[in-house]
Amino acid sequence: MDAILTTVLPVFGMIVLGFAFAKAKIIDAAAGRGITIFVFNAAIPALLFKTVATMQPQEGAPWSLWIAFFGGLALTWIAAALASRHIGGLNVNGGAAASMAAGFGNLALLGTPLALAHFGQGVGVPLGMILSVHAPLLWLAATLHRELARHSEGFSLARTTRELFLNLAGNGIVLALIAGSFWRWTGLGIHPIFDRMLSMLADAGVPTALFALGVSLAGYSLRGAWGGMFGLIGLKMVLMPVLVFLLVRHAVTLPPLWAKVAVLFAAMPTGANAFLFAQKNDEAVPAVSGAIALGTGLAALSAALLLWLMDLNLI
């Protein structure tokens, strides 16, 4: 329980801090937007580049793990897109922001520390297998989802492909993942000076993203966004882990520890990247922001309950 509290409370505390600074007018919305741009174009790309460029080769076959985790995520993604049609504030460009929020969990900041603290270093392999493809796959899916929805009436494959390419070509996160993969392939390693610069930017990524989220929350009223917020929380923290659990039990064969990591990761609340996607496109921001803030607070209870059930081998 102490490990859970010391992980969750600082995360939620950073969001509250940004909210308090904005409410006290110590920082304004324009400055918060600037912080978001810094996070999106510099800090998070630096973190992802370094992670991919220095990632060690993983042992074991990832296919069953990916089928269970991303299969449950895909079903949740579709459910979110369908649900967004009936929830005000989410039905923007086909509900791409809603699907991103229902699928993109807080794995790096919350899921990884929880898994390591509770299960030990043995989770390194399944953890790395999910993290290595989580961000690029979901960013690509969300971008494609949005572009397809925007041109649904007069859909042109050539136009959509061109716009998707231009969108991805200017996306710092996607570029960082591609560059990191290429640099890892060269085997050159990272020079200590450049490595230190990347580390400084990467270290700034998580707290600034959470702080920017808090600033954003202060600028939006949750009035009218409650339905969307609770809908996203239900999809992300209830439906997705249930679907992943069913796939783990009935569709694939996984080592028990790998199965627990998949379900734990599936149950994590919406992550900051979903906020960045919503903020970047100015779509469903109040509902997504609220789902992250409230979901992170609820995770202190839901994660504790989930880990307790896992210790009893009920999951």
Protein backbone atom coordinates (compact mmCIF):
# COMPACT_ATOMS: atom_id res chain seq x y z
CA MET A 1 0.00 0.00 0.00
CA ASP A 2 2.86 2.40 0.79
CA ALA A 3 4.37 1.79 -2.66
CA ILE A 4 1.03 2.57 -4.28
CA LEU A 5 0.51 5.76 -2.29
CA THR A 6 4.04 7.06 -2.85
CA THR A 7 3.59 6.53 -6.58
CA VAL A 8 0.06 7.86 -7.07
CA LEU A 9 0.01 10.81 -4.69
CA PRO A 10 2.99 12.69 -6.23
CA VAL A 11 1.46 12.24 -9.68
CA PHE A 12 -1.87 13.63 -8.57
CA GLY A 13 -0.04 16.31 -6.56
CA MET A 14 1.64 17.69 -9.69
CA ILE A 15 -1.75 18.05 -11.38
CA VAL A 16 -3.15 19.83 -8.32
CA LEU A 17 -0.10 22.11 -8.26
CA GLY A 18 -0.63 23.21 -11.86
CA PHE A 19 -4.33 23.74 -11.13
CA ALA A 20 -3.53 25.82 -8.04
CA PHE A 21 -0.96 27.97 -9.88
CA ALA A 22 -3.47 28.71 -12.61
CA LYS A 23 -6.30 29.48 -10.18
CA ALA A 24 -4.01 31.79 -8.20
CA LYS A 25 -3.07 33.50 -11.50
CA ILE A 26 0.61 32.75 -10.93
CA ILE A 27 0.58 31.24 -14.42
CA ASP A 28 -1.92 31.94 -17.21
CA ALA A 29 -3.44 29.84 -19.96
CA ALA A 30 -0.97 31.10 -22.59
CA ALA A 31 1.95 29.99 -20.45
CA GLY A 32 0.25 26.64 -19.90
CA ARG A 33 -0.12 26.23 -23.65
CA GLY A 34 3.58 27.02 -24.02
CA ILE A 35 4.45 24.33 -21.49
CA THR A 36 2.31 21.86 -23.43
CA ILE A 37 4.13 22.70 -26.65
CA PHE A 38 7.47 22.20 -24.89
CA VAL A 39 6.33 18.83 -23.59
CA PHE A 40 4.95 17.72 -26.96
CA ASN A 41 7.86 18.91 -29.12
CA ALA A 42 10.88 18.55 -26.84
CA ALA A 43 10.57 16.76 -23.51
CA ILE A 44 8.50 13.69 -24.42
CA PRO A 45 10.34 13.17 -27.75
CA ALA A 46 13.66 13.24 -25.87
CA LEU A 47 12.35 10.65 -23.42
CA LEU A 48 11.09 8.36 -26.19
CA PHE A 49 14.22 8.74 -28.33
CA LYS A 50 16.50 7.78 -25.47
CA THR A 51 14.26 4.91 -24.36
CA VAL A 52 14.09 3.37 -27.84
CA ALA A 53 17.73 4.07 -28.74
CA THR A 54 19.09 2.38 -25.61
CA MET A 55 16.49 -0.39 -25.15
CA GLN A 56 18.00 -3.83 -24.66
CA PRO A 57 16.85 -6.75 -26.85
CA GLN A 58 13.90 -8.51 -25.26
CA GLU A 59 13.75 -12.22 -24.64
CA GLY A 60 10.75 -14.39 -25.45
CA ALA A 61 7.98 -14.08 -27.98
CA PRO A 62 5.79 -11.00 -27.55
CA TRP A 63 2.90 -12.11 -29.76
CA SER A 64 0.60 -13.61 -27.11
CA LEU A 65 1.19 -10.67 -24.80
CA TRP A 66 0.48 -8.19 -27.58
CA ILE A 67 -2.65 -10.06 -28.66
CA ALA A 68 -4.04 -9.95 -25.12
CA PHE A 69 -3.14 -6.35 -24.28
CA PHE A 70 -3.63 -4.63 -27.62
CA GLY A 71 -6.60 -6.85 -28.49
CA GLY A 72 -8.41 -5.61 -25.40
CA LEU A 73 -7.27 -2.08 -26.20
CA ALA A 74 -8.60 -2.31 -29.77
CA LEU A 75 -12.04 -3.46 -28.57
CA THR A 76 -12.10 -0.62 -26.04
CA TRP A 77 -11.07 1.82 -28.77
CA ILE A 78 -14.02 0.77 -30.92
CA ALA A 79 -16.40 0.94 -27.95
CA ALA A 80 -15.21 4.48 -27.19
CA ALA A 81 -15.74 5.58 -30.80
CA LEU A 82 -19.29 4.18 -30.74
CA ALA A 83 -20.06 5.63 -27.29
CA SER A 84 -18.78 9.06 -28.34
CA ARG A 85 -21.71 9.37 -30.76
CA HIS A 86 -24.07 9.61 -27.81
CA ILE A 87 -21.97 11.68 -25.38
CA GLY A 88 -21.73 15.41 -25.86
CA GLY A 89 -18.22 16.78 -26.13
CA LEU A 90 -16.68 13.51 -27.31
CA ASN A 91 -18.16 13.17 -30.79
CA VAL A 92 -15.53 15.25 -32.56
CA ASN A 93 -13.88 13.87 -35.69
CA GLY A 94 -15.23 10.39 -35.07
CA GLY A 95 -14.35 10.37 -31.39
CA ALA A 96 -10.60 10.01 -32.03
CA ALA A 97 -9.71 11.89 -28.85
CA ALA A 98 -12.16 9.76 -26.86
CA SER A 99 -10.71 6.53 -28.23
CA MET A 100 -7.19 7.74 -27.48
CA ALA A 101 -8.22 8.57 -23.91
CA ALA A 102 -9.96 5.19 -23.49
CA GLY A 103 -6.93 3.28 -24.76
CA PHE A 104 -3.80 5.22 -23.78
CA GLY A 105 -2.97 4.37 -20.18
CA ASN A 106 -0.49 5.97 -17.82
CA LEU A 107 2.01 3.12 -18.19
CA ALA A 108 5.37 4.85 -17.90
CA LEU A 109 4.55 7.12 -14.98
CA LEU A 110 2.20 4.95 -12.96
CA GLY A 111 2.00 1.41 -14.33
CA THR A 112 5.76 0.78 -14.47
CA PRO A 113 6.57 1.95 -10.91
CA LEU A 114 3.62 -0.03 -9.56
CA ALA A 115 4.64 -3.20 -11.40
CA LEU A 116 8.29 -2.95 -10.35
CA ALA A 117 7.45 -2.11 -6.74
CA HIS A 118 4.97 -4.95 -6.38
CA PHE A 119 6.38 -7.72 -8.56
CA GLY A 120 10.09 -6.88 -8.73
CA GLN A 121 12.58 -6.83 -11.61
CA GLY A 122 11.10 -9.98 -13.14
CA VAL A 123 8.47 -7.87 -14.90
CA GLY A 124 11.13 -6.14 -17.00
CA VAL A 125 10.61 -8.29 -20.10
CA PRO A 126 6.79 -8.09 -20.45
CA LEU A 127 6.87 -4.47 -19.34
CA GLY A 128 9.38 -3.57 -22.06
CA MET A 129 7.46 -5.49 -24.71
CA ILE A 130 4.33 -3.42 -24.11
CA LEU A 131 6.05 -0.06 -23.65
CA SER A 132 8.16 -0.45 -26.78
CA VAL A 133 5.12 -0.31 -29.09
CA HIS A 134 2.46 1.35 -26.92
CA ALA A 135 3.07 5.01 -27.76
CA PRO A 136 3.83 4.79 -31.50
CA LEU A 137 0.96 2.38 -32.20
CA LEU A 138 -1.63 4.49 -30.42
CA TRP A 139 -0.42 7.80 -31.81
CA LEU A 140 -0.57 6.35 -35.31
CA ALA A 141 -4.02 4.85 -34.69
CA ALA A 142 -5.40 8.09 -33.24
CA THR A 143 -4.01 10.21 -36.07
CA LEU A 144 -5.37 7.83 -38.71
CA HIS A 145 -8.75 7.63 -36.92
CA ARG A 146 -9.03 11.41 -36.88
CA GLU A 147 -8.03 11.88 -40.50
CA LEU A 148 -10.45 9.20 -41.73
CA ALA A 149 -13.30 10.77 -39.75
CA ARG A 150 -12.57 14.27 -41.03
CA HIS A 151 -12.97 13.11 -44.64
CA SER A 152 -15.67 10.49 -44.16
CA GLU A 153 -18.13 12.08 -46.61
CA GLY A 154 -15.73 12.59 -49.49
CA PHE A 155 -13.03 10.14 -48.55
CA SER A 156 -9.94 10.15 -50.73
CA LEU A 157 -7.23 7.61 -50.01
CA ALA A 158 -4.58 9.74 -51.70
CA ARG A 159 -5.59 12.88 -49.81
CA THR A 160 -5.84 11.08 -46.49
CA THR A 161 -2.49 9.40 -47.00
CA ARG A 162 -0.88 12.73 -47.87
CA GLU A 163 -2.38 14.55 -44.88
CA LEU A 164 -1.55 11.69 -42.55
CA PHE A 165 2.04 11.70 -43.77
CA LEU A 166 2.31 15.48 -43.30
CA ASN A 167 0.76 15.20 -39.83
CA LEU A 168 3.12 12.43 -38.77
CA ALA A 169 6.11 14.16 -40.38
CA GLY A 170 5.57 17.12 -38.08
CA ASN A 171 4.81 15.05 -34.99
CA GLY A 172 7.77 15.25 -32.59
CA ILE A 173 6.77 12.07 -30.79
CA VAL A 174 6.55 9.97 -33.96
CA LEU A 175 9.81 11.43 -35.29
CA ALA A 176 11.56 10.68 -32.00
CA LEU A 177 10.43 7.06 -32.09
CA ILE A 178 11.62 6.63 -35.69
CA ALA A 179 14.92 8.35 -34.97
CA GLY A 180 15.44 6.30 -31.81
CA SER A 181 14.80 3.06 -33.68
CA PHE A 182 17.26 4.05 -36.42
CA TRP A 183 19.93 5.10 -33.91
CA ARG A 184 19.55 1.83 -32.03
CA TRP A 185 19.99 -0.05 -35.32
CA THR A 186 23.31 1.73 -36.00
CA GLY A 187 24.76 0.45 -32.72
CA LEU A 188 26.70 3.70 -32.23
CA GLY A 189 25.41 4.40 -28.74
CA ILE A 190 24.77 7.90 -27.39
CA HIS A 191 27.62 10.32 -26.62
CA PRO A 192 27.74 11.25 -22.89
CA ILE A 193 27.12 14.95 -23.60
CA PHE A 194 24.10 14.28 -25.82
CA ASP A 195 22.93 11.60 -23.39
CA ARG A 196 23.00 14.11 -20.55
CA MET A 197 21.00 16.64 -22.58
CA LEU A 198 18.41 14.00 -23.44
CA SER A 199 18.20 12.99 -19.79
CA MET A 200 17.60 16.57 -18.69
CA LEU A 201 14.80 17.00 -21.21
CA ALA A 202 13.35 13.58 -20.44
CA ASP A 203 13.37 14.24 -16.71
CA ALA A 204 11.38 17.40 -17.35
CA GLY A 205 8.79 15.62 -19.50
CA VAL A 206 6.67 13.88 -16.89
CA PRO A 207 6.31 16.70 -14.31
CA THR A 208 5.76 19.39 -16.94
CA ALA A 209 3.13 17.30 -18.70
CA LEU A 210 1.27 16.79 -15.43
CA PHE A 211 1.69 20.45 -14.48
CA ALA A 212 0.36 21.52 -17.88
CA LEU A 213 -2.58 19.21 -17.36
CA GLY A 214 -3.36 20.95 -14.07
CA VAL A 215 -3.15 24.36 -15.73
CA SER A 216 -5.52 23.12 -18.45
CA LEU A 217 -8.03 21.89 -15.88
CA ALA A 218 -8.21 25.37 -14.35
CA GLY A 219 -9.27 26.81 -17.70
CA TYR A 220 -12.20 24.47 -18.31
CA SER A 221 -15.44 23.98 -16.48
CA LEU A 222 -16.43 20.37 -15.96
CA ARG A 223 -20.04 21.44 -16.28
CA GLY A 224 -21.34 19.64 -19.33
CA ALA A 225 -18.31 17.33 -19.49
CA TRP A 226 -19.20 15.02 -16.60
CA GLY A 227 -20.82 12.42 -18.84
CA GLY A 228 -17.79 12.27 -21.11
CA MET A 229 -15.36 12.18 -18.20
CA PHE A 230 -17.08 9.31 -16.38
CA GLY A 231 -17.63 7.51 -19.68
CA LEU A 232 -13.90 7.62 -20.43
CA ILE A 233 -13.00 6.49 -16.92
CA GLY A 234 -15.39 3.55 -17.19
CA LEU A 235 -14.03 2.54 -20.58
CA LYS A 236 -10.39 2.85 -19.57
CA MET A 237 -10.38 1.57 -16.00
CA VAL A 238 -13.21 -1.00 -16.13
CA LEU A 239 -13.92 -2.22 -19.66
CA MET A 240 -10.32 -2.46 -20.91
CA PRO A 241 -8.91 -4.49 -17.98
CA VAL A 242 -11.92 -6.81 -18.09
CA LEU A 243 -11.39 -7.42 -21.82
CA VAL A 244 -7.65 -8.00 -21.37
CA PHE A 245 -8.33 -10.37 -18.47
CA LEU A 246 -10.76 -12.39 -20.62
CA LEU A 247 -8.23 -12.58 -23.45
CA VAL A 248 -5.47 -13.61 -21.04
CA ARG A 249 -7.65 -16.36 -19.59
CA HIS A 250 -9.36 -17.68 -22.71
CA ALA A 251 -7.53 -16.60 -25.89
CA VAL A 252 -3.78 -16.82 -25.24
CA THR A 253 -1.31 -18.66 -23.05
CA LEU A 254 0.98 -16.48 -20.94
CA PRO A 255 3.22 -16.96 -17.90
CA PRO A 256 1.26 -15.88 -14.79
CA LEU A 257 3.47 -12.85 -14.17
CA TRP A 258 3.12 -11.67 -17.76
CA ALA A 259 -0.65 -12.01 -17.52
CA LYS A 260 -0.71 -9.91 -14.34
CA VAL A 261 1.38 -7.18 -15.97
CA ALA A 262 -1.00 -7.07 -18.94
CA VAL A 263 -4.08 -6.71 -16.73
CA LEU A 264 -2.41 -4.17 -14.41
CA PHE A 265 -1.32 -2.05 -17.36
CA ALA A 266 -4.79 -2.26 -18.87
CA ALA A 267 -6.31 -0.93 -15.64
CA MET A 268 -4.12 2.19 -15.50
CA PRO A 269 -5.95 5.52 -15.83
CA THR A 270 -5.73 7.64 -18.95
CA GLY A 271 -2.21 8.96 -19.52
CA ALA A 272 -0.89 12.42 -20.30
CA ASN A 273 -0.34 11.58 -23.97
CA ALA A 274 -4.11 11.44 -24.43
CA PHE A 275 -4.30 14.94 -23.00
CA LEU A 276 -1.55 16.08 -25.38
CA PHE A 277 -3.46 14.62 -28.35
CA ALA A 278 -6.71 16.29 -27.27
CA GLN A 279 -4.98 19.58 -26.52
CA LYS A 280 -3.04 19.56 -29.79
CA ASN A 281 -6.24 19.11 -31.81
CA ASP A 282 -8.49 21.07 -29.40
CA GLU A 283 -10.95 18.18 -29.19
CA ALA A 284 -12.74 16.85 -26.08
CA VAL A 285 -10.17 18.54 -23.83
CA PRO A 286 -12.41 19.05 -20.74
CA ALA A 287 -13.59 15.42 -20.68
CA VAL A 288 -10.12 14.00 -21.35
CA SER A 289 -8.48 16.28 -18.78
CA GLY A 290 -11.09 15.37 -16.18
CA ALA A 291 -10.70 11.67 -16.92
CA ILE A 292 -6.95 11.91 -16.34
CA ALA A 293 -7.22 13.91 -13.13
CA LEU A 294 -10.08 12.00 -11.51
CA GLY A 295 -8.93 8.67 -12.92
CA THR A 296 -5.46 9.15 -11.44
CA GLY A 297 -6.99 9.81 -8.04
CA LEU A 298 -9.28 6.79 -8.29
CA ALA A 299 -6.30 4.64 -9.29
CA ALA A 300 -5.01 4.80 -5.73
CA LEU A 301 -7.98 2.64 -4.77
CA SER A 302 -8.50 0.61 -7.93
CA ALA A 303 -4.82 -0.37 -8.26
CA ALA A 304 -4.63 -1.37 -4.61
CA LEU A 305 -7.71 -3.57 -5.03
CA LEU A 306 -6.37 -5.09 -8.26
CA LEU A 307 -2.96 -5.93 -6.75
CA TRP A 308 -4.67 -7.46 -3.72
CA LEU A 309 -6.77 -9.71 -6.00
CA MET A 310 -3.62 -10.67 -7.91
CA ASP A 311 -1.86 -11.63 -4.70
CA LEU A 312 -4.82 -13.92 -3.93
CA ASN A 313 -4.40 -15.43 -7.44
CA LEU A 314 -7.95 -14.41 -8.29
CA ILE A 315 -6.59 -12.55 -11.31
